[in-house]
Amino acid sequence: MLKIALTSVLVDDQDKAEKFYTDILGFEKKQDFAVGGARWLTVATSAETEGTELLLEPVGYDFARDYQKALFEAGIAAASFASDDIQADHKRLCAKGVRFRGEPTAMEGLPAIALFEDTCGNLIQIFETR
């Protein structure tokens, strides 16, 4: 059986991304070591540090930068995170200066979702688990 252990999001600045994903979103830094001219930098949910890791991967190539920019301009999330209480998380993150693209919204038959900017070139979606 396969299991998702690692996924990544492209970031334009690993130091800025580390601060945003740990200090603002509340993830815990899991791994951090040099690889070439960058870092292998991962974060994980603080309550599940042995769970799936998110690699904060530097944009390193022009085609990757173009891809990241195209997703952002099209309003497509680079990653999605679950929330037990999207209204509370929205309020908490807004208080920390996170820029949302709107209020949390639910569509018929789907959980509430909200989209925010991660300050590193991405849109991130949160969705409420039921």
C-alpha atoms as a PDB file:
ATOM      1  CA  MET A   1       0.000   0.000   0.000  1.00  0.00           C
ATOM      2  CA  LEU A   2       1.306   3.430  -0.928  1.00  0.00           C
ATOM      3  CA  LYS A   3       1.135   6.285   1.521  1.00  0.00           C
ATOM      4  CA  ILE A   4       1.618  10.009   0.946  1.00  0.00           C
ATOM      5  CA  ALA A   5       4.634  10.952   3.050  1.00  0.00           C
ATOM      6  CA  LEU A   6       5.854  14.102   1.315  1.00  0.00           C
ATOM      7  CA  THR A   7       4.444  16.715  -1.004  1.00  0.00           C
ATOM      8  CA  SER A   8       5.818  20.088  -1.975  1.00  0.00           C
ATOM      9  CA  VAL A   9       4.951  23.662  -2.712  1.00  0.00           C
ATOM     10  CA  LEU A  10       7.221  25.960  -4.721  1.00  0.00           C
ATOM     11  CA  VAL A  11       8.358  29.046  -2.809  1.00  0.00           C
ATOM     12  CA  ASP A  12      10.217  32.109  -4.011  1.00  0.00           C
ATOM     13  CA  ASP A  13      12.137  32.536  -0.727  1.00  0.00           C
ATOM     14  CA  GLN A  14      12.764  29.654   1.682  1.00  0.00           C
ATOM     15  CA  ASP A  15      13.520  31.881   4.689  1.00  0.00           C
ATOM     16  CA  LYS A  16      10.289  33.828   4.206  1.00  0.00           C
ATOM     17  CA  ALA A  17       8.389  30.583   3.624  1.00  0.00           C
ATOM     18  CA  GLU A  18       9.787  29.041   6.808  1.00  0.00           C
ATOM     19  CA  LYS A  19       8.583  32.001   8.850  1.00  0.00           C
ATOM     20  CA  PHE A  20       5.147  32.051   7.224  1.00  0.00           C
ATOM     21  CA  TYR A  21       4.477  28.325   7.455  1.00  0.00           C
ATOM     22  CA  THR A  22       5.738  28.033  11.044  1.00  0.00           C
ATOM     23  CA  ASP A  23       5.056  31.399  12.723  1.00  0.00           C
ATOM     24  CA  ILE A  24       1.811  32.256  10.923  1.00  0.00           C
ATOM     25  CA  LEU A  25       0.236  28.921   9.955  1.00  0.00           C
ATOM     26  CA  GLY A  26       1.569  27.048  12.994  1.00  0.00           C
ATOM     27  CA  PHE A  27       3.317  24.142  11.289  1.00  0.00           C
ATOM     28  CA  GLU A  28       6.442  22.687  12.872  1.00  0.00           C
ATOM     29  CA  LYS A  29       9.782  22.585  11.084  1.00  0.00           C
ATOM     30  CA  LYS A  30      10.619  18.933  10.495  1.00  0.00           C
ATOM     31  CA  GLN A  31      13.774  18.780   8.358  1.00  0.00           C
ATOM     32  CA  ASP A  32      16.276  21.466   7.392  1.00  0.00           C
ATOM     33  CA  PHE A  33      19.607  20.751   5.717  1.00  0.00           C
ATOM     34  CA  ALA A  34      21.642  22.049   2.795  1.00  0.00           C
ATOM     35  CA  VAL A  35      21.153  20.532  -0.659  1.00  0.00           C
ATOM     36  CA  GLY A  36      23.223  22.197  -3.350  1.00  0.00           C
ATOM     37  CA  GLY A  37      22.546  25.920  -3.198  1.00  0.00           C
ATOM     38  CA  ALA A  38      19.246  25.531  -1.353  1.00  0.00           C
ATOM     39  CA  ARG A  39      17.774  23.730   1.650  1.00  0.00           C
ATOM     40  CA  TRP A  40      15.719  20.587   2.085  1.00  0.00           C
ATOM     41  CA  LEU A  41      13.168  22.324   4.293  1.00  0.00           C
ATOM     42  CA  THR A  42      10.022  20.551   5.396  1.00  0.00           C
ATOM     43  CA  VAL A  43       7.207  21.360   7.797  1.00  0.00           C
ATOM     44  CA  ALA A  44       4.519  19.179   9.302  1.00  0.00           C
ATOM     45  CA  THR A  45       1.309  19.622  11.231  1.00  0.00           C
ATOM     46  CA  SER A  46       2.380  20.282  14.816  1.00  0.00           C
ATOM     47  CA  ALA A  47      -0.146  17.760  16.168  1.00  0.00           C
ATOM     48  CA  GLU A  48       1.017  15.088  13.696  1.00  0.00           C
ATOM     49  CA  THR A  49       4.777  15.538  13.354  1.00  0.00           C
ATOM     50  CA  GLU A  50       5.176  11.964  12.090  1.00  0.00           C
ATOM     51  CA  GLY A  51       2.574  12.572   9.376  1.00  0.00           C
ATOM     52  CA  THR A  52       2.854  13.996   5.887  1.00  0.00           C
ATOM     53  CA  GLU A  53       5.588  16.581   5.382  1.00  0.00           C
ATOM     54  CA  LEU A  54       5.377  19.645   3.157  1.00  0.00           C
ATOM     55  CA  LEU A  55       8.606  20.485   1.325  1.00  0.00           C
ATOM     56  CA  LEU A  56       9.095  24.246   0.913  1.00  0.00           C
ATOM     57  CA  GLU A  57      10.856  23.859  -2.409  1.00  0.00           C
ATOM     58  CA  PRO A  58      12.756  26.746  -3.984  1.00  0.00           C
ATOM     59  CA  VAL A  59      11.526  27.842  -7.392  1.00  0.00           C
ATOM     60  CA  GLY A  60      14.998  27.271  -8.910  1.00  0.00           C
ATOM     61  CA  TYR A  61      14.043  27.166 -12.627  1.00  0.00           C
ATOM     62  CA  ASP A  62      12.361  29.686 -14.930  1.00  0.00           C
ATOM     63  CA  PHE A  63       9.737  27.134 -16.010  1.00  0.00           C
ATOM     64  CA  ALA A  64       8.864  26.485 -12.360  1.00  0.00           C
ATOM     65  CA  ARG A  65       8.528  30.217 -11.716  1.00  0.00           C
ATOM     66  CA  ASP A  66       6.274  30.511 -14.792  1.00  0.00           C
ATOM     67  CA  TYR A  67       4.138  27.591 -13.539  1.00  0.00           C
ATOM     68  CA  GLN A  68       3.830  29.083 -10.053  1.00  0.00           C
ATOM     69  CA  LYS A  69       2.895  32.486 -11.488  1.00  0.00           C
ATOM     70  CA  ALA A  70       0.325  30.959 -13.880  1.00  0.00           C
ATOM     71  CA  LEU A  71      -1.391  29.083 -11.032  1.00  0.00           C
ATOM     72  CA  PHE A  72      -1.461  32.227  -8.886  1.00  0.00           C
ATOM     73  CA  GLU A  73      -2.860  34.416 -11.662  1.00  0.00           C
ATOM     74  CA  ALA A  74      -5.510  31.813 -12.516  1.00  0.00           C
ATOM     75  CA  GLY A  75      -6.609  31.658  -8.861  1.00  0.00           C
ATOM     76  CA  ILE A  76      -5.618  27.997  -8.499  1.00  0.00           C
ATOM     77  CA  ALA A  77      -4.398  26.756  -5.136  1.00  0.00           C
ATOM     78  CA  ALA A  78      -0.927  25.231  -4.995  1.00  0.00           C
ATOM     79  CA  ALA A  79      -1.917  23.207  -1.910  1.00  0.00           C
ATOM     80  CA  SER A  80      -4.943  22.524   0.278  1.00  0.00           C
ATOM     81  CA  PHE A  81      -5.017  22.174   4.044  1.00  0.00           C
ATOM     82  CA  ALA A  82      -7.816  20.819   6.241  1.00  0.00           C
ATOM     83  CA  SER A  83      -9.396  22.848   9.024  1.00  0.00           C
ATOM     84  CA  ASP A  84     -11.589  21.583  11.861  1.00  0.00           C
ATOM     85  CA  ASP A  85     -13.141  25.057  12.187  1.00  0.00           C
ATOM     86  CA  ILE A  86     -12.637  27.219   9.105  1.00  0.00           C
ATOM     87  CA  GLN A  87     -14.295  30.294  10.628  1.00  0.00           C
ATOM     88  CA  ALA A  88     -11.960  30.231  13.644  1.00  0.00           C
ATOM     89  CA  ASP A  89      -8.898  29.591  11.462  1.00  0.00           C
ATOM     90  CA  HIS A  90      -9.921  32.375   9.077  1.00  0.00           C
ATOM     91  CA  LYS A  91     -10.291  34.805  11.975  1.00  0.00           C
ATOM     92  CA  ARG A  92      -6.974  33.706  13.570  1.00  0.00           C
ATOM     93  CA  LEU A  93      -5.046  33.987  10.304  1.00  0.00           C
ATOM     94  CA  CYS A  94      -6.605  37.348   9.388  1.00  0.00           C
ATOM     95  CA  ALA A  95      -5.485  38.653  12.788  1.00  0.00           C
ATOM     96  CA  LYS A  96      -1.934  37.602  11.836  1.00  0.00           C
ATOM     97  CA  GLY A  97      -2.145  39.588   8.589  1.00  0.00           C
ATOM     98  CA  VAL A  98      -2.890  36.761   6.154  1.00  0.00           C
ATOM     99  CA  ARG A  99      -4.510  38.040   2.945  1.00  0.00           C
ATOM    100  CA  PHE A 100      -7.571  36.002   2.025  1.00  0.00           C
ATOM    101  CA  ARG A 101      -9.285  36.201  -1.347  1.00  0.00           C
ATOM    102  CA  GLY A 102     -12.667  36.236   0.382  1.00  0.00           C
ATOM    103  CA  GLU A 103     -14.638  34.890   3.295  1.00  0.00           C
ATOM    104  CA  PRO A 104     -14.976  31.131   3.834  1.00  0.00           C
ATOM    105  CA  THR A 105     -17.705  29.896   1.498  1.00  0.00           C
ATOM    106  CA  ALA A 106     -19.607  26.645   1.234  1.00  0.00           C
ATOM    107  CA  MET A 107     -21.300  25.370  -1.884  1.00  0.00           C
ATOM    108  CA  GLU A 108     -24.130  22.869  -1.873  1.00  0.00           C
ATOM    109  CA  GLY A 109     -22.847  19.459  -0.821  1.00  0.00           C
ATOM    110  CA  LEU A 110     -19.270  20.674  -0.332  1.00  0.00           C
ATOM    111  CA  PRO A 111     -17.381  21.856   2.753  1.00  0.00           C
ATOM    112  CA  ALA A 112     -16.569  25.512   3.306  1.00  0.00           C
ATOM    113  CA  ILE A 113     -13.381  26.685   1.612  1.00  0.00           C
ATOM    114  CA  ALA A 114     -11.221  29.809   1.690  1.00  0.00           C
ATOM    115  CA  LEU A 115      -8.217  30.877  -0.380  1.00  0.00           C
ATOM    116  CA  PHE A 116      -5.254  32.897   0.907  1.00  0.00           C
ATOM    117  CA  GLU A 117      -1.856  34.127  -0.265  1.00  0.00           C
ATOM    118  CA  ASP A 118       1.190  32.535   1.375  1.00  0.00           C
ATOM    119  CA  THR A 119       3.540  35.524   0.721  1.00  0.00           C
ATOM    120  CA  CYS A 120       5.833  33.161  -1.235  1.00  0.00           C
ATOM    121  CA  GLY A 121       4.048  33.206  -4.603  1.00  0.00           C
ATOM    122  CA  ASN A 122       1.202  30.758  -3.934  1.00  0.00           C
ATOM    123  CA  LEU A 123      -2.471  30.587  -3.223  1.00  0.00           C
ATOM    124  CA  ILE A 124      -3.356  28.088  -0.519  1.00  0.00           C
ATOM    125  CA  GLN A 125      -6.836  26.694   0.041  1.00  0.00           C
ATOM    126  CA  ILE A 126      -8.215  25.631   3.372  1.00  0.00           C
ATOM    127  CA  PHE A 127     -11.321  23.498   3.623  1.00  0.00           C
ATOM    128  CA  GLU A 128     -13.429  22.518   6.580  1.00  0.00           C
ATOM    129  CA  THR A 129     -13.512  18.856   7.497  1.00  0.00           C
ATOM    130  CA  ARG A 130     -16.810  17.481   8.665  1.00  0.00           C
END
